[in-house]
Amino acid sequence: MPEAGAQRPVRWRAAARLAASVGLLACVPLIVDLREVGAALSKALGAQRWPGLALALALELPVIAVMAWRWGFVSARLGAPLDGRVARREYWSSVFLNQVLPLGIAGDLHRTARHARAQGAEGRWRRAILAAVLDRAGAQIFLWLLSAGLLTSVFGPQLRHLGGLGPAAWLGIAGLLLALVLVVAWRRARPEVRAAIREASLSPPALAVHAGAAALTFALHFAALASCGWALGIAASPLEWMALGCIVLGVTSVPLFFAGWGVREIGVSLAFGWLGMVPSEGTACAILFGLVGLGASLPGAAFVLGPRRGDDTGSATQS
């Protein structure tokens, strides 16, 4: 049974990611008092605090539309165009699947496979796969750049204890490491992949789209996280919320955990402690942000479970 043999590693990886998240969640009581976390969550869910959660959800919903627009743009630049309505449907479905399946990237694989299958010809389905990779890679690079600047600025005093280096030195180290990774990846890429990157990521129009989409999605994410903090009565500066948002997005983007659960709560709790804030409130804020993200993805369930009116994934019209 070759198919069963091929599926076995996938199941093991899924089980490992689920176990990693459960294990990290089990470690949360070692960092914070769960009774304090429960009290903070009860306060946030009270009648006077729910508008903060409603605002967070309203801010997260357009994020998926922006990401779908970016994916459609990259696909069109590579010659594998998508209809705008289809791009939003497929992206919402992928975000929902990423939230509820332990693989962490199952939704992206499903979205990419449907797009590639709709392209038909071999050259075009290769472009569809490359479009999904460049779409996510571009967002990650902008996140790394933003995180390097914000984290070295906000956590400067804490970083001085690591080797006695100041924020500027750590920023320089982070920049050099990022540049090294990008140079190595560029040199190892095939000529056709380099050409695709130039067209879909490095040309002036593509850079403008990637930068604009990154700025908008990050701003919405950071504002949603701050809204969760507002529901909890947490006072922090905009710069601190942005740095905390970078931590949340950074740890949840690693496909080693179940939708970021566990690693997100521990990361935010530790960051709250480094900033002199209450770690248990950080845990509660991370839990609320995770639930808000799950809520924003729920429209994708209708696309996954509901009937599809034909398979127009490869439609070329942009809307």
C-alpha atoms as a PDB file:
ATOM      1  CA  MET A   1       0.000   0.000   0.000  1.00  0.00           C
ATOM      2  CA  PRO A   2       2.248   2.859  -1.170  1.00  0.00           C
ATOM      3  CA  GLU A   3      -0.383   5.508  -0.521  1.00  0.00           C
ATOM      4  CA  ALA A   4      -0.727   4.448   3.106  1.00  0.00           C
ATOM      5  CA  GLY A   5       3.060   4.500   3.428  1.00  0.00           C
ATOM      6  CA  ALA A   6       3.200   8.023   1.989  1.00  0.00           C
ATOM      7  CA  GLN A   7       0.526   9.259   4.361  1.00  0.00           C
ATOM      8  CA  ARG A   8       2.277   7.856   7.444  1.00  0.00           C
ATOM      9  CA  PRO A   9       4.975  10.595   7.680  1.00  0.00           C
ATOM     10  CA  VAL A  10       2.310  13.287   7.269  1.00  0.00           C
ATOM     11  CA  ARG A  11       0.294  11.822  10.120  1.00  0.00           C
ATOM     12  CA  TRP A  12       3.383  11.607  12.304  1.00  0.00           C
ATOM     13  CA  ARG A  13       4.240  15.264  11.612  1.00  0.00           C
ATOM     14  CA  ALA A  14       0.680  16.309  12.402  1.00  0.00           C
ATOM     15  CA  ALA A  15       0.729  14.324  15.641  1.00  0.00           C
ATOM     16  CA  ALA A  16       4.112  15.821  16.554  1.00  0.00           C
ATOM     17  CA  ARG A  17       2.838  19.387  16.037  1.00  0.00           C
ATOM     18  CA  LEU A  18      -0.261  18.692  18.110  1.00  0.00           C
ATOM     19  CA  ALA A  19       1.862  17.132  20.848  1.00  0.00           C
ATOM     20  CA  ALA A  20       4.242  20.114  20.793  1.00  0.00           C
ATOM     21  CA  SER A  21       1.380  22.565  21.297  1.00  0.00           C
ATOM     22  CA  VAL A  22      -0.185  20.484  24.052  1.00  0.00           C
ATOM     23  CA  GLY A  23       3.195  20.157  25.735  1.00  0.00           C
ATOM     24  CA  LEU A  24       3.829  23.903  25.642  1.00  0.00           C
ATOM     25  CA  LEU A  25       0.340  24.644  26.942  1.00  0.00           C
ATOM     26  CA  ALA A  26       1.061  22.245  29.803  1.00  0.00           C
ATOM     27  CA  CYS A  27       4.140  24.355  30.609  1.00  0.00           C
ATOM     28  CA  VAL A  28       2.122  27.577  30.911  1.00  0.00           C
ATOM     29  CA  PRO A  29       1.246  26.925  34.620  1.00  0.00           C
ATOM     30  CA  LEU A  30       4.986  26.903  35.316  1.00  0.00           C
ATOM     31  CA  ILE A  31       5.171  30.530  34.183  1.00  0.00           C
ATOM     32  CA  VAL A  32       1.885  32.065  35.300  1.00  0.00           C
ATOM     33  CA  ASP A  33      -0.898  31.474  37.815  1.00  0.00           C
ATOM     34  CA  LEU A  34      -3.839  29.955  35.918  1.00  0.00           C
ATOM     35  CA  ARG A  35      -6.272  31.463  38.422  1.00  0.00           C
ATOM     36  CA  GLU A  36      -5.034  34.934  37.466  1.00  0.00           C
ATOM     37  CA  VAL A  37      -5.376  34.032  33.792  1.00  0.00           C
ATOM     38  CA  GLY A  38      -8.942  32.845  34.370  1.00  0.00           C
ATOM     39  CA  ALA A  39      -9.812  36.015  36.275  1.00  0.00           C
ATOM     40  CA  ALA A  40      -8.417  38.171  33.464  1.00  0.00           C
ATOM     41  CA  LEU A  41     -10.380  36.251  30.832  1.00  0.00           C
ATOM     42  CA  SER A  42     -13.575  36.536  32.874  1.00  0.00           C
ATOM     43  CA  LYS A  43     -13.069  40.295  33.063  1.00  0.00           C
ATOM     44  CA  ALA A  44     -12.508  40.540  29.307  1.00  0.00           C
ATOM     45  CA  LEU A  45     -15.664  38.564  28.566  1.00  0.00           C
ATOM     46  CA  GLY A  46     -17.771  40.731  30.866  1.00  0.00           C
ATOM     47  CA  ALA A  47     -20.519  42.994  29.630  1.00  0.00           C
ATOM     48  CA  GLN A  48     -18.392  46.142  29.805  1.00  0.00           C
ATOM     49  CA  ARG A  49     -15.343  44.674  28.009  1.00  0.00           C
ATOM     50  CA  TRP A  50     -16.762  42.778  25.039  1.00  0.00           C
ATOM     51  CA  PRO A  51     -16.560  45.791  22.659  1.00  0.00           C
ATOM     52  CA  GLY A  52     -12.784  45.373  22.735  1.00  0.00           C
ATOM     53  CA  LEU A  53     -13.097  41.804  21.482  1.00  0.00           C
ATOM     54  CA  ALA A  54     -15.655  42.827  18.867  1.00  0.00           C
ATOM     55  CA  LEU A  55     -13.253  45.481  17.611  1.00  0.00           C
ATOM     56  CA  ALA A  56     -10.406  42.934  17.480  1.00  0.00           C
ATOM     57  CA  LEU A  57     -12.548  40.601  15.384  1.00  0.00           C
ATOM     58  CA  ALA A  58     -13.585  43.433  13.063  1.00  0.00           C
ATOM     59  CA  LEU A  59      -9.904  44.312  12.558  1.00  0.00           C
ATOM     60  CA  GLU A  60      -8.865  40.725  11.799  1.00  0.00           C
ATOM     61  CA  LEU A  61     -11.501  40.072   9.128  1.00  0.00           C
ATOM     62  CA  PRO A  62     -10.059  42.389   6.436  1.00  0.00           C
ATOM     63  CA  VAL A  63      -6.583  40.916   6.959  1.00  0.00           C
ATOM     64  CA  ILE A  64      -7.589  37.807   5.010  1.00  0.00           C
ATOM     65  CA  ALA A  65      -8.953  39.901   2.143  1.00  0.00           C
ATOM     66  CA  VAL A  66      -5.668  41.812   1.906  1.00  0.00           C
ATOM     67  CA  MET A  67      -3.630  38.601   1.905  1.00  0.00           C
ATOM     68  CA  ALA A  68      -5.867  37.153  -0.817  1.00  0.00           C
ATOM     69  CA  TRP A  69      -5.349  40.307  -2.907  1.00  0.00           C
ATOM     70  CA  ARG A  70      -1.554  39.952  -2.538  1.00  0.00           C
ATOM     71  CA  TRP A  71      -1.698  36.283  -3.548  1.00  0.00           C
ATOM     72  CA  GLY A  72      -3.779  37.151  -6.603  1.00  0.00           C
ATOM     73  CA  PHE A  73      -1.299  39.853  -7.602  1.00  0.00           C
ATOM     74  CA  VAL A  74       1.702  37.508  -7.312  1.00  0.00           C
ATOM     75  CA  SER A  75      -0.129  34.789  -9.241  1.00  0.00           C
ATOM     76  CA  ALA A  76      -0.989  37.175 -12.047  1.00  0.00           C
ATOM     77  CA  ARG A  77       2.616  38.406 -12.293  1.00  0.00           C
ATOM     78  CA  LEU A  78       3.723  34.792 -12.741  1.00  0.00           C
ATOM     79  CA  GLY A  79       1.162  33.996 -15.421  1.00  0.00           C
ATOM     80  CA  ALA A  80      -1.229  31.978 -13.261  1.00  0.00           C
ATOM     81  CA  PRO A  81      -4.007  34.554 -12.694  1.00  0.00           C
ATOM     82  CA  LEU A  82      -6.838  34.255 -10.203  1.00  0.00           C
ATOM     83  CA  ASP A  83     -10.271  35.817 -10.103  1.00  0.00           C
ATOM     84  CA  GLY A  84     -10.427  38.128  -7.090  1.00  0.00           C
ATOM     85  CA  ARG A  85     -13.549  36.463  -5.675  1.00  0.00           C
ATOM     86  CA  VAL A  86     -11.986  33.031  -6.036  1.00  0.00           C
ATOM     87  CA  ALA A  87      -8.751  34.227  -4.407  1.00  0.00           C
ATOM     88  CA  ARG A  88     -10.686  35.449  -1.358  1.00  0.00           C
ATOM     89  CA  ARG A  89     -12.665  32.201  -1.144  1.00  0.00           C
ATOM     90  CA  GLU A  90      -9.588  30.004  -1.416  1.00  0.00           C
ATOM     91  CA  TYR A  91      -7.535  32.091   1.018  1.00  0.00           C
ATOM     92  CA  TRP A  92     -10.295  32.152   3.612  1.00  0.00           C
ATOM     93  CA  SER A  93     -10.602  28.374   3.290  1.00  0.00           C
ATOM     94  CA  SER A  94      -6.848  27.953   3.754  1.00  0.00           C
ATOM     95  CA  VAL A  95      -6.753  30.144   6.861  1.00  0.00           C
ATOM     96  CA  PHE A  96      -9.605  28.154   8.402  1.00  0.00           C
ATOM     97  CA  LEU A  97      -7.892  24.835   7.648  1.00  0.00           C
ATOM     98  CA  ASN A  98      -4.625  26.139   9.105  1.00  0.00           C
ATOM     99  CA  GLN A  99      -6.515  26.987  12.285  1.00  0.00           C
ATOM    100  CA  VAL A 100      -8.241  23.641  12.774  1.00  0.00           C
ATOM    101  CA  LEU A 101      -5.759  21.103  11.356  1.00  0.00           C
ATOM    102  CA  PRO A 102      -2.555  20.195  13.211  1.00  0.00           C
ATOM    103  CA  LEU A 103      -0.254  20.425  10.186  1.00  0.00           C
ATOM    104  CA  GLY A 104      -0.247  24.238  10.399  1.00  0.00           C
ATOM    105  CA  ILE A 105       0.165  24.584   6.645  1.00  0.00           C
ATOM    106  CA  ALA A 106      -2.562  22.185   5.491  1.00  0.00           C
ATOM    107  CA  GLY A 107      -4.693  25.077   4.308  1.00  0.00           C
ATOM    108  CA  ASP A 108      -1.866  26.545   2.242  1.00  0.00           C
ATOM    109  CA  LEU A 109      -1.213  23.142   0.660  1.00  0.00           C
ATOM    110  CA  HIS A 110      -4.917  22.735  -0.139  1.00  0.00           C
ATOM    111  CA  ARG A 111      -5.150  26.236  -1.637  1.00  0.00           C
ATOM    112  CA  THR A 112      -2.002  25.775  -3.704  1.00  0.00           C
ATOM    113  CA  ALA A 113      -3.032  22.333  -4.961  1.00  0.00           C
ATOM    114  CA  ARG A 114      -6.426  23.596  -6.134  1.00  0.00           C
ATOM    115  CA  HIS A 115      -4.855  26.572  -7.887  1.00  0.00           C
ATOM    116  CA  ALA A 116      -2.169  24.410  -9.524  1.00  0.00           C
ATOM    117  CA  ARG A 117      -4.685  21.781 -10.644  1.00  0.00           C
ATOM    118  CA  ALA A 118      -6.867  24.454 -12.240  1.00  0.00           C
ATOM    119  CA  GLN A 119      -3.905  25.754 -14.276  1.00  0.00           C
ATOM    120  CA  GLY A 120      -3.656  22.531 -16.244  1.00  0.00           C
ATOM    121  CA  ALA A 121      -0.394  22.792 -18.180  1.00  0.00           C
ATOM    122  CA  GLU A 122       2.788  21.805 -16.334  1.00  0.00           C
ATOM    123  CA  GLY A 123       4.457  25.195 -16.687  1.00  0.00           C
ATOM    124  CA  ARG A 124       1.438  27.010 -15.306  1.00  0.00           C
ATOM    125  CA  TRP A 125       0.949  24.732 -12.294  1.00  0.00           C
ATOM    126  CA  ARG A 126       4.595  25.242 -11.446  1.00  0.00           C
ATOM    127  CA  ARG A 127       3.900  28.981 -11.453  1.00  0.00           C
ATOM    128  CA  ALA A 128       0.901  28.457  -9.172  1.00  0.00           C
ATOM    129  CA  ILE A 129       3.073  26.650  -6.633  1.00  0.00           C
ATOM    130  CA  LEU A 130       5.775  29.310  -6.876  1.00  0.00           C
ATOM    131  CA  ALA A 131       3.155  32.046  -6.408  1.00  0.00           C
ATOM    132  CA  ALA A 132       2.068  30.552  -3.080  1.00  0.00           C
ATOM    133  CA  VAL A 133       5.679  30.293  -1.911  1.00  0.00           C
ATOM    134  CA  LEU A 134       6.569  33.868  -2.897  1.00  0.00           C
ATOM    135  CA  ASP A 135       3.337  35.182  -1.390  1.00  0.00           C
ATOM    136  CA  ARG A 136       4.199  33.783   2.037  1.00  0.00           C
ATOM    137  CA  ALA A 137       7.942  34.407   1.767  1.00  0.00           C
ATOM    138  CA  GLY A 138       7.448  38.100   1.002  1.00  0.00           C
ATOM    139  CA  ALA A 139       5.292  38.552   4.088  1.00  0.00           C
ATOM    140  CA  GLN A 140       7.856  36.736   6.240  1.00  0.00           C
ATOM    141  CA  ILE A 141      10.749  38.899   5.052  1.00  0.00           C
ATOM    142  CA  PHE A 142       8.880  42.107   5.872  1.00  0.00           C
ATOM    143  CA  LEU A 143       7.993  40.647   9.285  1.00  0.00           C
ATOM    144  CA  TRP A 144      11.663  39.847   9.964  1.00  0.00           C
ATOM    145  CA  LEU A 145      12.714  43.362   8.996  1.00  0.00           C
ATOM    146  CA  LEU A 146      10.057  44.989  11.159  1.00  0.00           C
ATOM    147  CA  SER A 147      10.734  42.643  14.078  1.00  0.00           C
ATOM    148  CA  ALA A 148      14.466  43.370  14.018  1.00  0.00           C
ATOM    149  CA  GLY A 149      13.841  47.100  14.399  1.00  0.00           C
ATOM    150  CA  LEU A 150      11.005  46.940  16.928  1.00  0.00           C
ATOM    151  CA  LEU A 151      12.373  44.220  19.195  1.00  0.00           C
ATOM    152  CA  THR A 152      15.831  45.763  19.473  1.00  0.00           C
ATOM    153  CA  SER A 153      14.218  49.116  20.274  1.00  0.00           C
ATOM    154  CA  VAL A 154      11.612  47.985  22.816  1.00  0.00           C
ATOM    155  CA  PHE A 155      13.723  45.276  24.482  1.00  0.00           C
ATOM    156  CA  GLY A 156      16.975  47.257  24.398  1.00  0.00           C
ATOM    157  CA  PRO A 157      17.581  47.164  28.192  1.00  0.00           C
ATOM    158  CA  GLN A 158      17.035  43.407  28.288  1.00  0.00           C
ATOM    159  CA  LEU A 159      19.334  42.840  25.302  1.00  0.00           C
ATOM    160  CA  ARG A 160      22.190  44.641  27.062  1.00  0.00           C
ATOM    161  CA  HIS A 161      22.400  41.691  29.449  1.00  0.00           C
ATOM    162  CA  LEU A 162      23.231  39.433  26.464  1.00  0.00           C
ATOM    163  CA  GLY A 163      26.894  40.105  25.793  1.00  0.00           C
ATOM    164  CA  GLY A 164      26.713  43.731  26.868  1.00  0.00           C
ATOM    165  CA  LEU A 165      25.638  44.850  23.392  1.00  0.00           C
ATOM    166  CA  GLY A 166      23.281  47.765  22.821  1.00  0.00           C
ATOM    167  CA  PRO A 167      20.211  47.849  20.565  1.00  0.00           C
ATOM    168  CA  ALA A 168      22.164  49.208  17.574  1.00  0.00           C
ATOM    169  CA  ALA A 169      24.647  46.326  17.741  1.00  0.00           C
ATOM    170  CA  TRP A 170      21.894  43.725  17.977  1.00  0.00           C
ATOM    171  CA  LEU A 171      20.056  45.376  15.091  1.00  0.00           C
ATOM    172  CA  GLY A 172      23.224  45.160  13.018  1.00  0.00           C
ATOM    173  CA  ILE A 173      23.673  41.485  13.885  1.00  0.00           C
ATOM    174  CA  ALA A 174      20.051  40.737  12.972  1.00  0.00           C
ATOM    175  CA  GLY A 175      20.456  42.601   9.684  1.00  0.00           C
ATOM    176  CA  LEU A 176      23.609  40.685   8.793  1.00  0.00           C
ATOM    177  CA  LEU A 177      21.990  37.335   9.580  1.00  0.00           C
ATOM    178  CA  LEU A 178      18.933  38.168   7.485  1.00  0.00           C
ATOM    179  CA  ALA A 179      21.109  39.353   4.597  1.00  0.00           C
ATOM    180  CA  LEU A 180      23.163  36.144   4.803  1.00  0.00           C
ATOM    181  CA  VAL A 181      20.051  33.962   4.670  1.00  0.00           C
ATOM    182  CA  LEU A 182      18.669  35.865   1.681  1.00  0.00           C
ATOM    183  CA  VAL A 183      21.982  35.800  -0.219  1.00  0.00           C
ATOM    184  CA  VAL A 184      22.396  32.049   0.308  1.00  0.00           C
ATOM    185  CA  ALA A 185      18.794  31.401  -0.765  1.00  0.00           C
ATOM    186  CA  TRP A 186      19.258  33.586  -3.863  1.00  0.00           C
ATOM    187  CA  ARG A 187      22.488  31.861  -4.915  1.00  0.00           C
ATOM    188  CA  ARG A 188      20.928  28.414  -4.545  1.00  0.00           C
ATOM    189  CA  ALA A 189      17.784  29.299  -6.494  1.00  0.00           C
ATOM    190  CA  ARG A 190      17.418  28.111 -10.068  1.00  0.00           C
ATOM    191  CA  PRO A 191      17.564  30.709 -12.875  1.00  0.00           C
ATOM    192  CA  GLU A 192      13.811  30.384 -13.547  1.00  0.00           C
ATOM    193  CA  VAL A 193      13.064  30.896  -9.858  1.00  0.00           C
ATOM    194  CA  ARG A 194      15.260  34.009  -9.772  1.00  0.00           C
ATOM    195  CA  ALA A 195      13.398  35.367 -12.791  1.00  0.00           C
ATOM    196  CA  ALA A 196      10.073  34.739 -11.047  1.00  0.00           C
ATOM    197  CA  ILE A 197      11.294  36.480  -7.894  1.00  0.00           C
ATOM    198  CA  ARG A 198      12.382  39.517  -9.909  1.00  0.00           C
ATOM    199  CA  GLU A 199       8.999  39.665 -11.612  1.00  0.00           C
ATOM    200  CA  ALA A 200       6.692  38.958  -8.653  1.00  0.00           C
ATOM    201  CA  SER A 201       8.676  40.321  -5.713  1.00  0.00           C
ATOM    202  CA  LEU A 202      11.508  42.672  -6.684  1.00  0.00           C
ATOM    203  CA  SER A 203      10.093  44.785  -9.517  1.00  0.00           C
ATOM    204  CA  PRO A 204       8.932  48.274  -8.408  1.00  0.00           C
ATOM    205  CA  PRO A 205       5.190  47.464  -8.724  1.00  0.00           C
ATOM    206  CA  ALA A 206       5.658  44.178  -6.858  1.00  0.00           C
ATOM    207  CA  LEU A 207       7.682  45.792  -4.090  1.00  0.00           C
ATOM    208  CA  ALA A 208       4.978  48.422  -3.675  1.00  0.00           C
ATOM    209  CA  VAL A 209       2.262  45.766  -3.397  1.00  0.00           C
ATOM    210  CA  HIS A 210       4.221  43.604  -0.952  1.00  0.00           C
ATOM    211  CA  ALA A 211       5.170  46.594   1.197  1.00  0.00           C
ATOM    212  CA  GLY A 212       1.633  47.984   1.176  1.00  0.00           C
ATOM    213  CA  ALA A 213       0.048  44.625   1.992  1.00  0.00           C
ATOM    214  CA  ALA A 214       2.571  44.024   4.785  1.00  0.00           C
ATOM    215  CA  ALA A 215       2.022  47.468   6.295  1.00  0.00           C
ATOM    216  CA  LEU A 216      -1.759  47.076   6.224  1.00  0.00           C
ATOM    217  CA  THR A 217      -1.908  43.508   7.556  1.00  0.00           C
ATOM    218  CA  PHE A 218       0.622  44.195  10.315  1.00  0.00           C
ATOM    219  CA  ALA A 219      -1.205  47.355  11.358  1.00  0.00           C
ATOM    220  CA  LEU A 220      -4.505  45.454  11.549  1.00  0.00           C
ATOM    221  CA  HIS A 221      -2.914  42.584  13.508  1.00  0.00           C
ATOM    222  CA  PHE A 222      -1.238  44.953  15.969  1.00  0.00           C
ATOM    223  CA  ALA A 223      -4.453  46.929  16.452  1.00  0.00           C
ATOM    224  CA  ALA A 224      -6.404  43.698  17.037  1.00  0.00           C
ATOM    225  CA  LEU A 225      -3.870  42.574  19.658  1.00  0.00           C
ATOM    226  CA  ALA A 226      -4.089  45.965  21.356  1.00  0.00           C
ATOM    227  CA  SER A 227      -7.897  45.662  21.318  1.00  0.00           C
ATOM    228  CA  CYS A 228      -7.602  42.342  23.141  1.00  0.00           C
ATOM    229  CA  GLY A 229      -5.388  44.146  25.642  1.00  0.00           C
ATOM    230  CA  TRP A 230      -7.994  46.897  25.947  1.00  0.00           C
ATOM    231  CA  ALA A 231     -10.612  44.257  26.780  1.00  0.00           C
ATOM    232  CA  LEU A 232      -8.292  43.074  29.554  1.00  0.00           C
ATOM    233  CA  GLY A 233      -7.568  46.595  30.811  1.00  0.00           C
ATOM    234  CA  ILE A 234      -3.859  46.366  29.894  1.00  0.00           C
ATOM    235  CA  ALA A 235      -1.993  49.646  29.467  1.00  0.00           C
ATOM    236  CA  ALA A 236       0.907  49.600  26.990  1.00  0.00           C
ATOM    237  CA  SER A 237       2.378  52.025  24.486  1.00  0.00           C
ATOM    238  CA  PRO A 238       1.736  51.626  20.733  1.00  0.00           C
ATOM    239  CA  LEU A 239       5.407  50.697  20.245  1.00  0.00           C
ATOM    240  CA  GLU A 240       5.120  47.953  22.866  1.00  0.00           C
ATOM    241  CA  TRP A 241       1.980  46.547  21.239  1.00  0.00           C
ATOM    242  CA  MET A 242       3.786  46.502  17.896  1.00  0.00           C
ATOM    243  CA  ALA A 243       6.754  44.637  19.391  1.00  0.00           C
ATOM    244  CA  LEU A 244       4.417  42.170  21.107  1.00  0.00           C
ATOM    245  CA  GLY A 245       2.582  41.741  17.815  1.00  0.00           C
ATOM    246  CA  CYS A 246       5.861  40.872  16.084  1.00  0.00           C
ATOM    247  CA  ILE A 247       6.467  38.176  18.685  1.00  0.00           C
ATOM    248  CA  VAL A 248       2.962  36.755  18.203  1.00  0.00           C
ATOM    249  CA  LEU A 249       3.188  36.743  14.397  1.00  0.00           C
ATOM    250  CA  GLY A 250       6.723  35.409  14.464  1.00  0.00           C
ATOM    251  CA  VAL A 251       6.108  32.405  16.690  1.00  0.00           C
ATOM    252  CA  THR A 252       2.766  31.500  15.098  1.00  0.00           C
ATOM    253  CA  SER A 253       4.239  31.586  11.583  1.00  0.00           C
ATOM    254  CA  VAL A 254       6.528  28.646  12.414  1.00  0.00           C
ATOM    255  CA  PRO A 255       4.678  25.498  11.202  1.00  0.00           C
ATOM    256  CA  LEU A 256       5.781  23.408  14.177  1.00  0.00           C
ATOM    257  CA  PHE A 257       2.724  23.904  16.384  1.00  0.00           C
ATOM    258  CA  PHE A 258      -1.060  23.600  16.209  1.00  0.00           C
ATOM    259  CA  ALA A 259      -2.190  27.042  14.956  1.00  0.00           C
ATOM    260  CA  GLY A 260       0.406  28.664  17.225  1.00  0.00           C
ATOM    261  CA  TRP A 261      -1.227  27.461  20.447  1.00  0.00           C
ATOM    262  CA  GLY A 262       1.196  27.044  23.303  1.00  0.00           C
ATOM    263  CA  VAL A 263       4.184  28.820  21.803  1.00  0.00           C
ATOM    264  CA  ARG A 264       2.142  32.033  21.442  1.00  0.00           C
ATOM    265  CA  GLU A 265       1.029  32.004  25.082  1.00  0.00           C
ATOM    266  CA  ILE A 266       4.515  31.300  26.419  1.00  0.00           C
ATOM    267  CA  GLY A 267       6.140  33.883  24.141  1.00  0.00           C
ATOM    268  CA  VAL A 268       3.741  36.668  25.087  1.00  0.00           C
ATOM    269  CA  SER A 269       3.883  35.800  28.796  1.00  0.00           C
ATOM    270  CA  LEU A 270       7.672  36.017  28.796  1.00  0.00           C
ATOM    271  CA  ALA A 271       7.583  39.273  26.824  1.00  0.00           C
ATOM    272  CA  PHE A 272       5.128  40.786  29.303  1.00  0.00           C
ATOM    273  CA  GLY A 273       7.494  39.864  32.125  1.00  0.00           C
ATOM    274  CA  TRP A 274      10.469  41.449  30.312  1.00  0.00           C
ATOM    275  CA  LEU A 275       8.466  44.663  29.935  1.00  0.00           C
ATOM    276  CA  GLY A 276       7.582  44.747  33.635  1.00  0.00           C
ATOM    277  CA  MET A 277       3.942  43.855  32.944  1.00  0.00           C
ATOM    278  CA  VAL A 278       1.849  41.050  34.462  1.00  0.00           C
ATOM    279  CA  PRO A 279       2.697  37.736  32.709  1.00  0.00           C
ATOM    280  CA  SER A 280      -0.707  36.213  33.436  1.00  0.00           C
ATOM    281  CA  GLU A 281      -2.352  39.093  31.590  1.00  0.00           C
ATOM    282  CA  GLY A 282      -0.034  38.385  28.679  1.00  0.00           C
ATOM    283  CA  THR A 283      -1.203  34.771  28.628  1.00  0.00           C
ATOM    284  CA  ALA A 284      -4.842  35.892  28.673  1.00  0.00           C
ATOM    285  CA  CYS A 285      -4.161  38.385  25.875  1.00  0.00           C
ATOM    286  CA  ALA A 286      -2.523  35.680  23.749  1.00  0.00           C
ATOM    287  CA  ILE A 287      -5.471  33.324  24.318  1.00  0.00           C
ATOM    288  CA  LEU A 288      -7.955  36.019  23.313  1.00  0.00           C
ATOM    289  CA  PHE A 289      -5.944  36.872  20.208  1.00  0.00           C
ATOM    290  CA  GLY A 290      -5.878  33.195  19.234  1.00  0.00           C
ATOM    291  CA  LEU A 291      -9.645  32.930  19.668  1.00  0.00           C
ATOM    292  CA  VAL A 292     -10.185  36.109  17.656  1.00  0.00           C
ATOM    293  CA  GLY A 293      -8.040  34.668  14.848  1.00  0.00           C
ATOM    294  CA  LEU A 294     -10.086  31.483  14.913  1.00  0.00           C
ATOM    295  CA  GLY A 295     -13.302  33.509  14.806  1.00  0.00           C
ATOM    296  CA  ALA A 296     -12.082  35.539  11.828  1.00  0.00           C
ATOM    297  CA  SER A 297     -11.327  32.326   9.946  1.00  0.00           C
ATOM    298  CA  LEU A 298     -14.781  30.787  10.461  1.00  0.00           C
ATOM    299  CA  PRO A 299     -16.267  32.156   7.197  1.00  0.00           C
ATOM    300  CA  GLY A 300     -13.760  29.868   5.510  1.00  0.00           C
ATOM    301  CA  ALA A 301     -15.637  26.886   6.986  1.00  0.00           C
ATOM    302  CA  ALA A 302     -18.578  27.713   4.736  1.00  0.00           C
ATOM    303  CA  PHE A 303     -16.302  27.566   1.696  1.00  0.00           C
ATOM    304  CA  VAL A 304     -14.716  24.294   2.814  1.00  0.00           C
ATOM    305  CA  LEU A 305     -17.918  22.522   3.859  1.00  0.00           C
ATOM    306  CA  GLY A 306     -20.448  24.183   1.543  1.00  0.00           C
ATOM    307  CA  PRO A 307     -21.157  23.323  -2.093  1.00  0.00           C
ATOM    308  CA  ARG A 308     -18.917  24.856  -4.761  1.00  0.00           C
ATOM    309  CA  ARG A 309     -20.445  26.370  -7.872  1.00  0.00           C
ATOM    310  CA  GLY A 310     -17.971  24.937 -10.333  1.00  0.00           C
ATOM    311  CA  ASP A 311     -14.192  25.057 -10.092  1.00  0.00           C
ATOM    312  CA  ASP A 312     -13.203  28.477 -11.363  1.00  0.00           C
ATOM    313  CA  THR A 313      -9.940  28.591  -9.413  1.00  0.00           C
ATOM    314  CA  GLY A 314      -7.999  29.405 -12.513  1.00  0.00           C
ATOM    315  CA  SER A 315     -10.193  32.248 -13.752  1.00  0.00           C
ATOM    316  CA  ALA A 316      -8.155  35.157 -15.041  1.00  0.00           C
ATOM    317  CA  THR A 317     -10.424  38.074 -14.250  1.00  0.00           C
ATOM    318  CA  GLN A 318      -9.334  40.228 -11.340  1.00  0.00           C
ATOM    319  CA  SER A 319     -12.003  41.831  -9.193  1.00  0.00           C
END
